[in-house]
Amino acid sequence: MTFEPVPRIGSWYQNTIGDAFEVVAQDDEDDTLELQYYDGTLEELDPEAWGSMNPEAIEPPEDWSGSMDVSREDSQGPEILEETTDWMTELDRLDQSPG
């Protein structure tokens, strides 16, 4: 059995009740499709369930972090870069210490 309309991994869709989700995997052996909703919930569907939800392709959400459980502060960058740089310096110093 095939999925109609054909889902694309990495594409975002919306079901009939307005829930946004991304297709994250397809298992050809089990003939299933794995979806991840914007809130992080995972769901596995068969072709019949996919067709009955009447998926409509949509643009990815502007705030991609919804399903990732990442705050805006965590995704900003400079603070993380500084922490990583300090961490790497500490590791380099450990590598250089005698035996």
PDB file of N, CA and C in Angstrom:
ATOM      1  N   MET A   1       0.849  -1.178   0.000  1.00  0.00           N
ATOM      2  CA  MET A   1       0.000   0.000   0.000  1.00  0.00           C
ATOM      3  C   MET A   1       0.894   1.241   0.000  1.00  0.00           C
ATOM      4  N   THR A   2       0.505   2.298  -0.674  1.00  0.00           N
ATOM      5  CA  THR A   2       1.299   3.517  -0.735  1.00  0.00           C
ATOM      6  C   THR A   2       0.579   4.676  -0.052  1.00  0.00           C
ATOM      7  N   PHE A   3       1.361   5.665   0.334  1.00  0.00           N
ATOM      8  CA  PHE A   3       0.820   6.842   0.998  1.00  0.00           C
ATOM      9  C   PHE A   3       0.383   7.855  -0.054  1.00  0.00           C
ATOM     10  N   GLU A   4      -0.858   8.339   0.058  1.00  0.00           N
ATOM     11  CA  GLU A   4      -1.383   9.364  -0.854  1.00  0.00           C
ATOM     12  C   GLU A   4      -1.996  10.486  -0.035  1.00  0.00           C
ATOM     13  N   PRO A   5      -1.677  11.738  -0.255  1.00  0.00           N
ATOM     14  CA  PRO A   5      -0.607  12.195  -1.124  1.00  0.00           C
ATOM     15  C   PRO A   5       0.744  11.748  -0.581  1.00  0.00           C
ATOM     16  N   VAL A   6       1.722  11.694  -1.449  1.00  0.00           N
ATOM     17  CA  VAL A   6       3.039  11.180  -1.082  1.00  0.00           C
ATOM     18  C   VAL A   6       3.712  12.116  -0.083  1.00  0.00           C
ATOM     19  N   PRO A   7       4.029  11.617   1.124  1.00  0.00           N
ATOM     20  CA  PRO A   7       4.703  12.442   2.129  1.00  0.00           C
ATOM     21  C   PRO A   7       6.197  12.557   1.824  1.00  0.00           C
ATOM     22  N   ARG A   8       6.779  13.672   2.211  1.00  0.00           N
ATOM     23  CA  ARG A   8       8.216  13.875   2.021  1.00  0.00           C
ATOM     24  C   ARG A   8       8.859  14.067   3.388  1.00  0.00           C
ATOM     25  N   ILE A   9       9.883  13.304   3.676  1.00  0.00           N
ATOM     26  CA  ILE A   9      10.596  13.427   4.940  1.00  0.00           C
ATOM     27  C   ILE A   9      11.206  14.817   5.012  1.00  0.00           C
ATOM     28  N   GLY A  10      11.008  15.472   6.150  1.00  0.00           N
ATOM     29  CA  GLY A  10      11.500  16.824   6.351  1.00  0.00           C
ATOM     30  C   GLY A  10      10.488  17.901   5.988  1.00  0.00           C
ATOM     31  N   SER A  11       9.380  17.513   5.377  1.00  0.00           N
ATOM     32  CA  SER A  11       8.343  18.478   5.012  1.00  0.00           C
ATOM     33  C   SER A  11       7.330  18.608   6.138  1.00  0.00           C
ATOM     34  N   TRP A  12       6.730  19.778   6.194  1.00  0.00           N
ATOM     35  CA  TRP A  12       5.710  20.073   7.205  1.00  0.00           C
ATOM     36  C   TRP A  12       4.327  20.015   6.580  1.00  0.00           C
ATOM     37  N   TYR A  13       3.371  19.550   7.387  1.00  0.00           N
ATOM     38  CA  TYR A  13       1.983  19.411   6.952  1.00  0.00           C
ATOM     39  C   TYR A  13       1.067  19.870   8.071  1.00  0.00           C
ATOM     40  N   GLN A  14      -0.190  20.007   7.722  1.00  0.00           N
ATOM     41  CA  GLN A  14      -1.217  20.361   8.691  1.00  0.00           C
ATOM     42  C   GLN A  14      -2.382  19.408   8.487  1.00  0.00           C
ATOM     43  N   ASN A  15      -2.921  18.868   9.592  1.00  0.00           N
ATOM     44  CA  ASN A  15      -4.071  17.978   9.465  1.00  0.00           C
ATOM     45  C   ASN A  15      -5.365  18.783   9.479  1.00  0.00           C
ATOM     46  N   THR A  16      -6.499  18.110   9.392  1.00  0.00           N
ATOM     47  CA  THR A  16      -7.790  18.795   9.261  1.00  0.00           C
ATOM     48  C   THR A  16      -8.167  19.621  10.486  1.00  0.00           C
ATOM     49  N   ILE A  17      -7.589  19.313  11.647  1.00  0.00           N
ATOM     50  CA  ILE A  17      -7.913  20.117  12.842  1.00  0.00           C
ATOM     51  C   ILE A  17      -6.873  21.202  13.107  1.00  0.00           C
ATOM     52  N   GLY A  18      -5.896  21.355  12.202  1.00  0.00           N
ATOM     53  CA  GLY A  18      -4.953  22.457  12.293  1.00  0.00           C
ATOM     54  C   GLY A  18      -3.635  22.163  12.979  1.00  0.00           C
ATOM     55  N   ASP A  19      -3.393  20.906  13.357  1.00  0.00           N
ATOM     56  CA  ASP A  19      -2.132  20.562  13.996  1.00  0.00           C
ATOM     57  C   ASP A  19      -1.010  20.502  12.971  1.00  0.00           C
ATOM     58  N   ALA A  20       0.100  21.193  13.250  1.00  0.00           N
ATOM     59  CA  ALA A  20       1.262  21.182  12.357  1.00  0.00           C
ATOM     60  C   ALA A  20       2.192  20.037  12.758  1.00  0.00           C
ATOM     61  N   PHE A  21       2.743  19.350  11.759  1.00  0.00           N
ATOM     62  CA  PHE A  21       3.660  18.259  12.033  1.00  0.00           C
ATOM     63  C   PHE A  21       4.655  18.116  10.896  1.00  0.00           C
ATOM     64  N   GLU A  22       5.761  17.461  11.205  1.00  0.00           N
ATOM     65  CA  GLU A  22       6.807  17.192  10.224  1.00  0.00           C
ATOM     66  C   GLU A  22       6.898  15.688  10.025  1.00  0.00           C
ATOM     67  N   VAL A  23       7.093  15.259   8.801  1.00  0.00           N
ATOM     68  CA  VAL A  23       7.342  13.849   8.523  1.00  0.00           C
ATOM     69  C   VAL A  23       8.822  13.613   8.821  1.00  0.00           C
ATOM     70  N   VAL A  24       9.115  12.729   9.781  1.00  0.00           N
ATOM     71  CA  VAL A  24      10.500  12.522  10.195  1.00  0.00           C
ATOM     72  C   VAL A  24      11.084  11.188   9.739  1.00  0.00           C
ATOM     73  N   ALA A  25      10.241  10.224   9.388  1.00  0.00           N
ATOM     74  CA  ALA A  25      10.768   8.937   8.932  1.00  0.00           C
ATOM     75  C   ALA A  25       9.681   8.138   8.237  1.00  0.00           C
ATOM     76  N   GLN A  26      10.138   7.215   7.382  1.00  0.00           N
ATOM     77  CA  GLN A  26       9.225   6.285   6.733  1.00  0.00           C
ATOM     78  C   GLN A  26       9.879   4.913   6.758  1.00  0.00           C
ATOM     79  N   ASP A  27       9.132   3.919   7.225  1.00  0.00           N
ATOM     80  CA  ASP A  27       9.635   2.555   7.300  1.00  0.00           C
ATOM     81  C   ASP A  27       8.937   1.736   6.225  1.00  0.00           C
ATOM     82  N   ASP A  28       9.678   1.422   5.169  1.00  0.00           N
ATOM     83  CA  ASP A  28       9.091   0.683   4.051  1.00  0.00           C
ATOM     84  C   ASP A  28       8.771  -0.763   4.415  1.00  0.00           C
ATOM     85  N   GLU A  29       9.534  -1.348   5.340  1.00  0.00           N
ATOM     86  CA  GLU A  29       9.266  -2.736   5.746  1.00  0.00           C
ATOM     87  C   GLU A  29       7.938  -2.855   6.484  1.00  0.00           C
ATOM     88  N   ASP A  30       7.687  -1.931   7.424  1.00  0.00           N
ATOM     89  CA  ASP A  30       6.438  -1.947   8.195  1.00  0.00           C
ATOM     90  C   ASP A  30       5.318  -1.170   7.511  1.00  0.00           C
ATOM     91  N   ASP A  31       5.659  -0.457   6.424  1.00  0.00           N
ATOM     92  CA  ASP A  31       4.717   0.403   5.722  1.00  0.00           C
ATOM     93  C   ASP A  31       4.091   1.409   6.690  1.00  0.00           C
ATOM     94  N   THR A  32       4.969   2.103   7.438  1.00  0.00           N
ATOM     95  CA  THR A  32       4.522   3.122   8.374  1.00  0.00           C
ATOM     96  C   THR A  32       5.272   4.424   8.134  1.00  0.00           C
ATOM     97  N   LEU A  33       4.708   5.467   8.671  1.00  0.00           N
ATOM     98  CA  LEU A  33       5.239   6.807   8.553  1.00  0.00           C
ATOM     99  C   LEU A  33       5.324   7.373   9.959  1.00  0.00           C
ATOM    100  N   GLU A  34       6.415   8.053  10.297  1.00  0.00           N
ATOM    101  CA  GLU A  34       6.548   8.654  11.618  1.00  0.00           C
ATOM    102  C   GLU A  34       6.466  10.169  11.493  1.00  0.00           C
ATOM    103  N   LEU A  35       5.586  10.752  12.316  1.00  0.00           N
ATOM    104  CA  LEU A  35       5.366  12.189  12.331  1.00  0.00           C
ATOM    105  C   LEU A  35       5.823  12.747  13.667  1.00  0.00           C
ATOM    106  N   GLN A  36       6.283  13.986  13.649  1.00  0.00           N
ATOM    107  CA  GLN A  36       6.555  14.691  14.896  1.00  0.00           C
ATOM    108  C   GLN A  36       5.787  15.996  14.846  1.00  0.00           C
ATOM    109  N   TYR A  37       4.878  16.138  15.825  1.00  0.00           N
ATOM    110  CA  TYR A  37       4.081  17.348  15.905  1.00  0.00           C
ATOM    111  C   TYR A  37       4.921  18.478  16.466  1.00  0.00           C
ATOM    112  N   TYR A  38       4.460  19.704  16.287  1.00  0.00           N
ATOM    113  CA  TYR A  38       5.181  20.885  16.723  1.00  0.00           C
ATOM    114  C   TYR A  38       5.509  20.827  18.217  1.00  0.00           C
ATOM    115  N   ASP A  39       4.638  20.216  19.021  1.00  0.00           N
ATOM    116  CA  ASP A  39       4.879  20.150  20.465  1.00  0.00           C
ATOM    117  C   ASP A  39       5.831  19.013  20.853  1.00  0.00           C
ATOM    118  N   GLY A  40       6.332  18.261  19.862  1.00  0.00           N
ATOM    119  CA  GLY A  40       7.288  17.192  20.130  1.00  0.00           C
ATOM    120  C   GLY A  40       6.693  15.799  20.147  1.00  0.00           C
ATOM    121  N   THR A  41       5.387  15.690  20.133  1.00  0.00           N
ATOM    122  CA  THR A  41       4.714  14.395  20.151  1.00  0.00           C
ATOM    123  C   THR A  41       5.023  13.615  18.873  1.00  0.00           C
ATOM    124  N   LEU A  42       5.359  12.345  19.041  1.00  0.00           N
ATOM    125  CA  LEU A  42       5.616  11.466  17.892  1.00  0.00           C
ATOM    126  C   LEU A  42       4.401  10.589  17.636  1.00  0.00           C
ATOM    127  N   GLU A  43       4.154  10.298  16.367  1.00  0.00           N
ATOM    128  CA  GLU A  43       3.038   9.430  15.997  1.00  0.00           C
ATOM    129  C   GLU A  43       3.456   8.582  14.803  1.00  0.00           C
ATOM    130  N   GLU A  44       3.061   7.321  14.832  1.00  0.00           N
ATOM    131  CA  GLU A  44       3.341   6.414  13.722  1.00  0.00           C
ATOM    132  C   GLU A  44       2.015   6.101  13.031  1.00  0.00           C
ATOM    133  N   LEU A  45       1.999   6.231  11.709  1.00  0.00           N
ATOM    134  CA  LEU A  45       0.772   6.026  10.949  1.00  0.00           C
ATOM    135  C   LEU A  45       0.954   4.989   9.854  1.00  0.00           C
ATOM    136  N   ASP A  46      -0.144   4.329   9.514  1.00  0.00           N
ATOM    137  CA  ASP A  46      -0.156   3.475   8.333  1.00  0.00           C
ATOM    138  C   ASP A  46      -0.739   4.305   7.188  1.00  0.00           C
ATOM    139  N   PRO A  47      -0.667   3.817   5.959  1.00  0.00           N
ATOM    140  CA  PRO A  47      -1.163   4.601   4.815  1.00  0.00           C
ATOM    141  C   PRO A  47      -2.629   5.015   4.943  1.00  0.00           C
ATOM    142  N   GLU A  48      -3.456   4.165   5.501  1.00  0.00           N
ATOM    143  CA  GLU A  48      -4.880   4.482   5.642  1.00  0.00           C
ATOM    144  C   GLU A  48      -5.087   5.671   6.584  1.00  0.00           C
ATOM    145  N   ALA A  49      -4.384   5.673   7.717  1.00  0.00           N
ATOM    146  CA  ALA A  49      -4.503   6.775   8.677  1.00  0.00           C
ATOM    147  C   ALA A  49      -3.972   8.079   8.075  1.00  0.00           C
ATOM    148  N   TRP A  50      -2.862   7.991   7.324  1.00  0.00           N
ATOM    149  CA  TRP A  50      -2.302   9.171   6.655  1.00  0.00           C
ATOM    150  C   TRP A  50      -3.335   9.782   5.702  1.00  0.00           C
ATOM    151  N   GLY A  51      -3.957   8.954   4.898  1.00  0.00           N
ATOM    152  CA  GLY A  51      -4.953   9.441   3.939  1.00  0.00           C
ATOM    153  C   GLY A  51      -6.174  10.038   4.612  1.00  0.00           C
ATOM    154  N   SER A  52      -6.596   9.458   5.735  1.00  0.00           N
ATOM    155  CA  SER A  52      -7.797   9.938   6.403  1.00  0.00           C
ATOM    156  C   SER A  52      -7.589  11.272   7.118  1.00  0.00           C
ATOM    157  N   MET A  53      -6.328  11.634   7.382  1.00  0.00           N
ATOM    158  CA  MET A  53      -6.098  12.919   8.053  1.00  0.00           C
ATOM    159  C   MET A  53      -6.030  14.080   7.057  1.00  0.00           C
ATOM    160  N   ASN A  54      -6.126  13.779   5.752  1.00  0.00           N
ATOM    161  CA  ASN A  54      -6.117  14.801   4.703  1.00  0.00           C
ATOM    162  C   ASN A  54      -5.010  15.835   4.908  1.00  0.00           C
ATOM    163  N   PRO A  55      -3.752  15.411   4.907  1.00  0.00           N
ATOM    164  CA  PRO A  55      -2.654  16.341   5.173  1.00  0.00           C
ATOM    165  C   PRO A  55      -2.503  17.386   4.071  1.00  0.00           C
ATOM    166  N   GLU A  56      -2.203  18.597   4.489  1.00  0.00           N
ATOM    167  CA  GLU A  56      -1.979  19.698   3.561  1.00  0.00           C
ATOM    168  C   GLU A  56      -0.568  20.233   3.807  1.00  0.00           C
ATOM    169  N   ALA A  57       0.237  20.324   2.760  1.00  0.00           N
ATOM    170  CA  ALA A  57       1.602  20.816   2.899  1.00  0.00           C
ATOM    171  C   ALA A  57       1.588  22.280   3.339  1.00  0.00           C
ATOM    172  N   ILE A  58       2.471  22.611   4.301  1.00  0.00           N
ATOM    173  CA  ILE A  58       2.594  23.986   4.790  1.00  0.00           C
ATOM    174  C   ILE A  58       4.077  24.352   4.881  1.00  0.00           C
ATOM    175  N   GLU A  59       4.350  25.623   5.067  1.00  0.00           N
ATOM    176  CA  GLU A  59       5.718  26.089   5.292  1.00  0.00           C
ATOM    177  C   GLU A  59       6.129  25.699   6.712  1.00  0.00           C
ATOM    178  N   PRO A  60       7.415  25.427   6.937  1.00  0.00           N
ATOM    179  CA  PRO A  60       7.862  25.130   8.306  1.00  0.00           C
ATOM    180  C   PRO A  60       7.571  26.321   9.222  1.00  0.00           C
ATOM    181  N   PRO A  61       7.303  26.058  10.497  1.00  0.00           N
ATOM    182  CA  PRO A  61       7.056  27.159  11.430  1.00  0.00           C
ATOM    183  C   PRO A  61       8.287  28.059  11.533  1.00  0.00           C
ATOM    184  N   GLU A  62       8.061  29.359  11.772  1.00  0.00           N
ATOM    185  CA  GLU A  62       9.180  30.281  11.931  1.00  0.00           C
ATOM    186  C   GLU A  62      10.015  29.901  13.148  1.00  0.00           C
ATOM    187  N   ASP A  63       9.345  29.507  14.222  1.00  0.00           N
ATOM    188  CA  ASP A  63      10.040  29.110  15.444  1.00  0.00           C
ATOM    189  C   ASP A  63      10.186  27.601  15.436  1.00  0.00           C
ATOM    190  N   TRP A  64      11.266  27.116  14.829  1.00  0.00           N
ATOM    191  CA  TRP A  64      11.488  25.683  14.669  1.00  0.00           C
ATOM    192  C   TRP A  64      11.726  24.975  15.998  1.00  0.00           C
ATOM    193  N   SER A  65      11.992  25.713  17.071  1.00  0.00           N
ATOM    194  CA  SER A  65      12.384  25.094  18.336  1.00  0.00           C
ATOM    195  C   SER A  65      11.217  24.503  19.114  1.00  0.00           C
ATOM    196  N   GLY A  66       9.974  24.648  18.647  1.00  0.00           N
ATOM    197  CA  GLY A  66       8.814  24.157  19.383  1.00  0.00           C
ATOM    198  C   GLY A  66       8.930  22.704  19.782  1.00  0.00           C
ATOM    199  N   SER A  67       9.298  21.847  18.853  1.00  0.00           N
ATOM    200  CA  SER A  67       9.390  20.428  19.152  1.00  0.00           C
ATOM    201  C   SER A  67      10.740  20.035  19.737  1.00  0.00           C
ATOM    202  N   MET A  68      11.670  20.980  19.784  1.00  0.00           N
ATOM    203  CA  MET A  68      13.015  20.668  20.235  1.00  0.00           C
ATOM    204  C   MET A  68      13.227  20.941  21.716  1.00  0.00           C
ATOM    205  N   ASP A  69      12.266  21.586  22.389  1.00  0.00           N
ATOM    206  CA  ASP A  69      12.392  21.925  23.794  1.00  0.00           C
ATOM    207  C   ASP A  69      13.644  22.764  24.041  1.00  0.00           C
ATOM    208  N   VAL A  70      13.842  23.783  23.200  1.00  0.00           N
ATOM    209  CA  VAL A  70      14.985  24.680  23.307  1.00  0.00           C
ATOM    210  C   VAL A  70      14.448  26.089  23.479  1.00  0.00           C
ATOM    211  N   SER A  71      14.918  26.784  24.509  1.00  0.00           N
ATOM    212  CA  SER A  71      14.473  28.159  24.702  1.00  0.00           C
ATOM    213  C   SER A  71      15.232  29.087  23.766  1.00  0.00           C
ATOM    214  N   ARG A  72      14.695  30.279  23.548  1.00  0.00           N
ATOM    215  CA  ARG A  72      15.366  31.255  22.691  1.00  0.00           C
ATOM    216  C   ARG A  72      16.760  31.581  23.225  1.00  0.00           C
ATOM    217  N   GLU A  73      16.895  31.670  24.544  1.00  0.00           N
ATOM    218  CA  GLU A  73      18.191  31.991  25.136  1.00  0.00           C
ATOM    219  C   GLU A  73      19.224  30.917  24.804  1.00  0.00           C
ATOM    220  N   ASP A  74      18.796  29.671  24.780  1.00  0.00           N
ATOM    221  CA  ASP A  74      19.707  28.568  24.495  1.00  0.00           C
ATOM    222  C   ASP A  74      20.153  28.551  23.045  1.00  0.00           C
ATOM    223  N   SER A  75      19.370  29.115  22.159  1.00  0.00           N
ATOM    224  CA  SER A  75      19.693  29.040  20.742  1.00  0.00           C
ATOM    225  C   SER A  75      20.353  30.312  20.208  1.00  0.00           C
ATOM    226  N   GLN A  76      20.649  31.273  21.075  1.00  0.00           N
ATOM    227  CA  GLN A  76      21.211  32.547  20.622  1.00  0.00           C
ATOM    228  C   GLN A  76      22.636  32.428  20.113  1.00  0.00           C
ATOM    229  N   GLY A  77      23.521  31.767  20.808  1.00  0.00           N
ATOM    230  CA  GLY A  77      24.844  31.541  20.250  1.00  0.00           C
ATOM    231  C   GLY A  77      26.035  32.052  21.024  1.00  0.00           C
ATOM    232  N   PRO A  78      26.250  33.366  21.188  1.00  0.00           N
ATOM    233  CA  PRO A  78      27.508  33.839  21.758  1.00  0.00           C
ATOM    234  C   PRO A  78      27.835  33.251  23.121  1.00  0.00           C
ATOM    235  N   GLU A  79      26.848  33.163  24.014  1.00  0.00           N
ATOM    236  CA  GLU A  79      27.113  32.595  25.328  1.00  0.00           C
ATOM    237  C   GLU A  79      27.531  31.134  25.216  1.00  0.00           C
ATOM    238  N   ILE A  80      26.865  30.410  24.359  1.00  0.00           N
ATOM    239  CA  ILE A  80      27.199  29.000  24.162  1.00  0.00           C
ATOM    240  C   ILE A  80      28.600  28.876  23.575  1.00  0.00           C
ATOM    241  N   LEU A  81      28.922  29.748  22.623  1.00  0.00           N
ATOM    242  CA  LEU A  81      30.237  29.722  22.012  1.00  0.00           C
ATOM    243  C   LEU A  81      31.319  29.976  23.045  1.00  0.00           C
ATOM    244  N   GLU A  82      31.096  30.968  23.944  1.00  0.00           N
ATOM    245  CA  GLU A  82      32.072  31.265  24.982  1.00  0.00           C
ATOM    246  C   GLU A  82      32.250  30.066  25.908  1.00  0.00           C
ATOM    247  N   GLU A  83      31.150  29.452  26.330  1.00  0.00           N
ATOM    248  CA  GLU A  83      31.240  28.280  27.196  1.00  0.00           C
ATOM    249  C   GLU A  83      31.998  27.162  26.500  1.00  0.00           C
ATOM    250  N   THR A  84      31.709  26.933  25.235  1.00  0.00           N
ATOM    251  CA  THR A  84      32.373  25.876  24.484  1.00  0.00           C
ATOM    252  C   THR A  84      33.856  26.171  24.343  1.00  0.00           C
ATOM    253  N   THR A  85      34.187  27.433  24.073  1.00  0.00           N
ATOM    254  CA  THR A  85      35.590  27.808  23.942  1.00  0.00           C
ATOM    255  C   THR A  85      36.319  27.558  25.250  1.00  0.00           C
ATOM    256  N   ASP A  86      35.731  27.976  26.365  1.00  0.00           N
ATOM    257  CA  ASP A  86      36.361  27.742  27.669  1.00  0.00           C
ATOM    258  C   ASP A  86      36.515  26.255  27.941  1.00  0.00           C
ATOM    259  N   TRP A  87      35.523  25.499  27.602  1.00  0.00           N
ATOM    260  CA  TRP A  87      35.544  24.056  27.813  1.00  0.00           C
ATOM    261  C   TRP A  87      36.660  23.414  27.000  1.00  0.00           C
ATOM    262  N   MET A  88      36.799  23.849  25.760  1.00  0.00           N
ATOM    263  CA  MET A  88      37.851  23.312  24.907  1.00  0.00           C
ATOM    264  C   MET A  88      39.231  23.690  25.445  1.00  0.00           C
ATOM    265  N   THR A  89      39.370  24.909  25.966  1.00  0.00           N
ATOM    266  CA  THR A  89      40.645  25.331  26.543  1.00  0.00           C
ATOM    267  C   THR A  89      41.006  24.441  27.716  1.00  0.00           C
ATOM    268  N   GLU A  90      40.039  24.143  28.550  1.00  0.00           N
ATOM    269  CA  GLU A  90      40.280  23.266  29.700  1.00  0.00           C
ATOM    270  C   GLU A  90      40.721  21.874  29.243  1.00  0.00           C
ATOM    271  N   LEU A  91      40.105  21.343  28.205  1.00  0.00           N
ATOM    272  CA  LEU A  91      40.496  20.028  27.696  1.00  0.00           C
ATOM    273  C   LEU A  91      41.910  20.052  27.126  1.00  0.00           C
ATOM    274  N   ASP A  92      42.244  21.126  26.411  1.00  0.00           N
ATOM    275  CA  ASP A  92      43.599  21.258  25.866  1.00  0.00           C
ATOM    276  C   ASP A  92      44.624  21.284  26.988  1.00  0.00           C
ATOM    277  N   ARG A  93      44.305  21.990  28.068  1.00  0.00           N
ATOM    278  CA  ARG A  93      45.235  22.067  29.190  1.00  0.00           C
ATOM    279  C   ARG A  93      45.412  20.689  29.840  1.00  0.00           C
ATOM    280  N   LEU A  94      44.348  19.924  29.949  1.00  0.00           N
ATOM    281  CA  LEU A  94      44.443  18.570  30.508  1.00  0.00           C
ATOM    282  C   LEU A  94      45.324  17.675  29.626  1.00  0.00           C
ATOM    283  N   ASP A  95      45.174  17.804  28.315  1.00  0.00           N
ATOM    284  CA  ASP A  95      45.975  17.006  27.387  1.00  0.00           C
ATOM    285  C   ASP A  95      47.457  17.319  27.491  1.00  0.00           C
ATOM    286  N   GLN A  96      47.812  18.536  27.854  1.00  0.00           N
ATOM    287  CA  GLN A  96      49.193  18.960  27.910  1.00  0.00           C
ATOM    288  C   GLN A  96      49.859  18.686  29.263  1.00  0.00           C
ATOM    289  N   SER A  97      49.056  18.335  30.265  1.00  0.00           N
ATOM    290  CA  SER A  97      49.621  18.096  31.589  1.00  0.00           C
ATOM    291  C   SER A  97      50.418  16.793  31.612  1.00  0.00           C
ATOM    292  N   PRO A  98      51.510  16.733  32.428  1.00  0.00           N
ATOM    293  CA  PRO A  98      52.332  15.515  32.480  1.00  0.00           C
ATOM    294  C   PRO A  98      51.544  14.371  33.100  1.00  0.00           C
ATOM    295  N   GLY A  99      51.803  13.200  32.577  1.00  0.00           N
ATOM    296  CA  GLY A  99      51.297  11.923  32.878  1.00  0.00           C
ATOM    297  C   GLY A  99      50.304  11.630  33.826  1.00  0.00           C
TER     298      GLY A  99
END
